[in-house]
Amino acid sequence: MKRLGTIVVLVVGLAAGAGLYFANESLTVAPKPVSAPARAEPPAATPAPTSSPTNPPADRAVTPPPVKGQAQEKVTVTWAGSVRGGRASIAIAVKDGAAIAYLCDGNRVEAWFQGTAVDERLALVGEEGRVSGSFDAKRAKGTVTVGRATYAFDVAAVRKPSGLYRATAEVRNAKVRGGWIVVDGQQVGILEVNGEPQPAPPLELPAGSVTVNGERVEATPLG
């Protein structure tokens, strides 16, 4: 009996050991193989930009052609002298392209004009006529019309004290207006006193003053 019990105990021990072995095997997880990393696909090639025909590269930009017919630089000059035939004198004073002209016969005929001297062209108008013509740095030539009379002129540039002078004042309740053309010391002018024209007294140069009815009147050089 004692031997039989020993055998039973041994069999039970073996059975328990076998159960623990298989239980341990079932709990052990075999490691999974590490998969190789996925290879990244290269980015798709971007097509090179094409230049638009309406937007040329900076180094090939087209320079616009120069504008034709641009006005010449405005002038500052005075031309003066006799009209053709010597029946009157004319002076044209210009400052930065703005022009004033005066026609005078030294007796009763006179006329003032205003306008421009730009791009070698004269264009002036007045209450009684107009002046038109051409010019350069040395001479001006063209025609001046006063009423029904038209005079041709070709006059040279002058320097002070030659030139065109004008005076306006009130002397002893009388309105005085005068114009003078001076060329190389020679003077011609008309003085109006209350609207009545008369030969102008000579200017005292270089001051440009004149005595009217016993009072001094200052004349202003134009141009």
Protein backbone atom coordinates (compact mmCIF):
# COMPACT_ATOMS: atom_id res chain seq x y z
CA MET A 1 0.00 0.00 0.00
CA LYS A 2 2.78 2.39 0.83
CA ARG A 3 4.43 1.80 -2.53
CA LEU A 4 1.21 2.32 -4.40
CA GLY A 5 0.71 5.66 -2.70
CA THR A 6 4.18 6.73 -3.66
CA ILE A 7 3.51 5.96 -7.33
CA VAL A 8 0.27 7.95 -7.24
CA VAL A 9 2.04 10.95 -5.79
CA LEU A 10 4.73 10.72 -8.48
CA VAL A 11 2.18 10.53 -11.31
CA VAL A 12 0.30 13.52 -9.94
CA GLY A 13 3.55 15.54 -9.72
CA LEU A 14 4.48 14.74 -13.30
CA ALA A 15 1.04 15.71 -14.53
CA ALA A 16 1.21 19.03 -12.68
CA GLY A 17 4.67 19.81 -14.12
CA ALA A 18 3.48 19.07 -17.62
CA GLY A 19 0.53 21.41 -17.16
CA LEU A 20 2.75 24.25 -15.97
CA TYR A 21 5.09 23.76 -18.97
CA PHE A 22 2.33 24.00 -21.55
CA ALA A 23 0.77 26.90 -19.75
CA ASN A 24 4.09 28.78 -19.86
CA GLU A 25 4.49 28.03 -23.60
CA SER A 26 1.02 29.35 -24.36
CA LEU A 27 1.77 32.65 -22.55
CA THR A 28 5.06 33.27 -24.39
CA VAL A 29 4.53 35.39 -27.59
CA ALA A 30 7.05 35.08 -30.34
CA PRO A 31 8.41 38.46 -31.45
CA LYS A 32 7.14 39.71 -34.80
CA PRO A 33 9.70 40.39 -37.49
CA VAL A 34 10.42 44.09 -37.99
CA SER A 35 9.22 45.19 -41.43
CA ALA A 36 11.54 47.36 -43.52
CA PRO A 37 10.58 51.09 -43.63
CA ALA A 38 8.57 52.12 -46.67
CA ARG A 39 10.62 53.96 -49.31
CA ALA A 40 9.47 57.55 -49.85
CA GLU A 41 8.49 58.33 -53.42
CA PRO A 42 10.45 61.27 -54.94
CA PRO A 43 8.32 64.44 -55.49
CA ALA A 44 6.92 64.97 -58.91
CA ALA A 45 9.04 67.31 -61.04
CA THR A 46 7.61 70.84 -61.32
CA PRO A 47 7.64 72.15 -64.91
CA ALA A 48 9.81 75.25 -65.44
CA PRO A 49 7.73 78.47 -65.71
CA THR A 50 7.41 79.90 -69.17
CA SER A 51 7.71 83.65 -69.61
CA SER A 52 4.59 85.41 -70.85
CA PRO A 53 4.99 87.18 -74.20
CA THR A 54 3.31 90.24 -72.68
CA ASN A 55 5.81 90.45 -69.79
CA PRO A 56 9.37 90.32 -71.17
CA PRO A 57 12.27 89.77 -68.76
CA ALA A 58 13.67 92.84 -67.08
CA ASP A 59 16.89 92.68 -69.07
CA ARG A 60 14.91 92.70 -72.30
CA ALA A 61 12.44 95.44 -71.40
CA VAL A 62 11.57 97.60 -74.37
CA THR A 63 12.41 101.31 -74.02
CA PRO A 64 9.61 103.51 -75.41
CA PRO A 65 10.63 105.74 -78.32
CA PRO A 66 11.10 109.46 -77.61
CA VAL A 67 8.05 111.65 -78.02
CA LYS A 68 8.21 113.65 -81.22
CA GLY A 69 7.42 117.32 -81.45
CA GLN A 70 8.45 118.24 -77.92
CA ALA A 71 8.44 122.02 -77.37
CA GLN A 72 11.79 123.71 -77.21
CA GLU A 73 13.05 125.46 -74.13
CA LYS A 74 11.22 128.72 -73.45
CA VAL A 75 13.24 131.87 -74.12
CA THR A 76 13.85 135.21 -72.41
CA VAL A 77 14.82 137.89 -74.93
CA THR A 78 13.75 141.25 -76.42
CA TRP A 79 13.74 142.05 -80.14
CA ALA A 80 13.20 145.61 -81.34
CA GLY A 81 13.50 147.75 -84.47
CA SER A 82 11.60 149.38 -87.31
CA VAL A 83 8.99 147.62 -89.39
CA ARG A 84 9.69 147.28 -93.10
CA GLY A 85 9.41 150.70 -94.70
CA GLY A 86 10.19 152.51 -91.41
CA ARG A 87 6.66 153.78 -90.83
CA ALA A 88 6.60 152.48 -87.23
CA SER A 89 8.68 150.54 -84.70
CA ILE A 90 7.97 147.28 -82.93
CA ALA A 91 9.39 145.69 -79.78
CA ILE A 92 8.69 142.14 -78.58
CA ALA A 93 9.72 141.40 -75.00
CA VAL A 94 9.72 137.74 -73.89
CA LYS A 95 10.22 136.24 -70.43
CA ASP A 96 10.10 132.42 -70.10
CA GLY A 97 8.00 132.17 -73.25
CA ALA A 98 5.39 134.81 -72.26
CA ALA A 99 5.48 137.66 -74.78
CA ILE A 100 4.38 141.33 -74.89
CA ALA A 101 4.66 143.36 -78.09
CA TYR A 102 4.23 147.07 -78.77
CA LEU A 103 3.81 148.83 -82.11
CA CYS A 104 4.24 152.61 -82.19
CA ASP A 105 4.77 155.33 -84.82
CA GLY A 106 5.76 158.00 -82.25
CA ASN A 107 2.73 160.14 -83.06
CA ARG A 108 -0.75 158.68 -82.70
CA VAL A 109 -0.68 155.01 -83.81
CA GLU A 110 0.09 152.42 -81.15
CA ALA A 111 -1.06 148.92 -80.18
CA TRP A 112 -0.24 146.41 -77.44
CA PHE A 113 -0.26 142.62 -77.86
CA GLN A 114 0.11 139.62 -75.55
CA GLY A 115 0.84 135.96 -76.28
CA THR A 116 3.67 133.45 -76.46
CA ALA A 117 7.07 132.90 -78.05
CA VAL A 118 7.55 129.13 -77.84
CA ASP A 119 8.96 126.48 -80.18
CA GLU A 120 10.32 129.20 -82.49
CA ARG A 121 6.82 130.55 -83.17
CA LEU A 122 5.33 133.96 -82.30
CA ALA A 123 1.61 134.13 -81.50
CA LEU A 124 0.24 137.33 -79.93
CA VAL A 125 -3.12 139.08 -80.05
CA GLY A 126 -4.43 142.49 -79.02
CA GLU A 127 -7.59 144.56 -79.11
CA GLU A 128 -6.78 145.88 -82.58
CA GLY A 129 -4.84 143.08 -84.27
CA ARG A 130 -2.25 140.34 -83.93
CA VAL A 131 1.43 139.46 -84.30
CA SER A 132 2.64 136.23 -85.89
CA GLY A 133 6.00 134.98 -87.07
CA SER A 134 9.11 133.04 -86.13
CA PHE A 135 12.27 133.66 -84.15
CA ASP A 136 15.65 132.42 -83.02
CA ALA A 137 18.08 133.71 -80.42
CA LYS A 138 19.20 136.60 -82.66
CA ARG A 139 16.18 137.73 -84.70
CA ALA A 140 12.39 137.75 -84.91
CA LYS A 141 10.46 138.17 -88.14
CA GLY A 142 6.85 138.08 -89.20
CA THR A 143 3.88 140.42 -89.57
CA VAL A 144 1.92 142.72 -87.27
CA THR A 145 -1.65 143.73 -88.09
CA VAL A 146 -3.34 146.82 -86.63
CA GLY A 147 -6.82 147.46 -87.91
CA ARG A 148 -6.64 147.24 -91.69
CA ALA A 149 -2.88 147.83 -91.88
CA THR A 150 -0.32 145.01 -91.89
CA TYR A 151 3.42 145.59 -91.47
CA ALA A 152 6.27 143.14 -92.04
CA PHE A 153 9.20 143.13 -89.61
CA ASP A 154 12.61 141.56 -89.22
CA VAL A 155 14.20 142.86 -86.00
CA ALA A 156 17.25 141.94 -83.95
CA ALA A 157 17.70 141.05 -80.29
CA VAL A 158 18.71 144.00 -78.08
CA ARG A 159 20.25 144.46 -74.65
CA LYS A 160 19.40 146.92 -71.88
CA PRO A 161 19.03 149.82 -71.74
CA SER A 162 17.58 149.12 -75.20
CA GLY A 163 14.21 147.39 -75.06
CA LEU A 164 10.53 147.96 -74.30
CA TYR A 165 9.27 150.20 -71.46
CA ARG A 166 5.81 150.92 -70.10
CA ALA A 167 4.49 153.38 -67.49
CA THR A 168 1.10 153.80 -65.82
CA ALA A 169 0.40 156.45 -63.20
CA GLU A 170 -1.96 159.14 -62.01
CA VAL A 171 -0.56 162.65 -62.17
CA ARG A 172 -2.65 165.57 -60.84
CA ASN A 173 -5.87 163.62 -61.25
CA ALA A 174 -4.92 162.65 -64.79
CA LYS A 175 -4.47 159.01 -65.87
CA VAL A 176 -1.14 158.59 -67.62
CA ARG A 177 -0.09 155.62 -69.75
CA GLY A 178 3.05 155.49 -71.86
CA GLY A 179 5.02 153.11 -74.04
CA TRP A 180 8.61 153.47 -75.31
CA ILE A 181 10.78 151.48 -77.72
CA VAL A 182 14.51 152.10 -77.25
CA VAL A 183 17.09 150.83 -79.75
CA ASP A 184 20.73 151.88 -79.48
CA GLY A 185 19.86 155.18 -77.79
CA GLN A 186 17.07 156.05 -80.23
CA GLN A 187 13.57 156.31 -78.71
CA VAL A 188 10.05 156.30 -80.06
CA GLY A 189 6.95 156.34 -77.87
CA ILE A 190 3.45 157.61 -77.22
CA LEU A 191 2.09 159.01 -73.97
CA GLU A 192 -1.65 159.03 -73.27
CA VAL A 193 -3.02 161.55 -70.77
CA ASN A 194 -6.68 160.86 -69.97
CA GLY A 195 -6.92 158.83 -73.19
CA GLU A 196 -5.42 161.50 -75.47
CA PRO A 197 -2.27 160.24 -77.30
CA GLN A 198 0.73 162.49 -77.87
CA PRO A 199 4.43 161.97 -78.58
CA ALA A 200 6.09 160.72 -75.41
CA PRO A 201 8.86 162.74 -73.78
CA PRO A 202 12.18 160.87 -73.82
CA LEU A 203 13.03 158.50 -70.99
CA GLU A 204 15.97 159.28 -68.78
CA LEU A 205 18.15 156.18 -68.99
CA PRO A 206 19.29 153.98 -67.41
CA ALA A 207 16.86 154.94 -64.61
CA GLY A 208 13.88 154.75 -66.97
CA SER A 209 12.04 157.76 -65.55
CA VAL A 210 10.18 160.58 -67.25
CA THR A 211 8.71 163.93 -66.23
CA VAL A 212 4.97 164.38 -66.84
CA ASN A 213 3.26 167.67 -65.87
CA GLY A 214 6.13 168.48 -63.53
CA GLU A 215 6.10 165.10 -61.74
CA ARG A 216 8.40 162.11 -62.02
CA VAL A 217 6.95 158.91 -63.43
CA GLU A 218 8.86 155.63 -63.38
CA ALA A 219 8.74 153.42 -66.48
CA THR A 220 9.15 149.65 -66.10
CA PRO A 221 11.34 147.67 -68.52
CA LEU A 222 9.50 144.63 -69.89
CA GLY A 223 11.00 141.25 -70.64
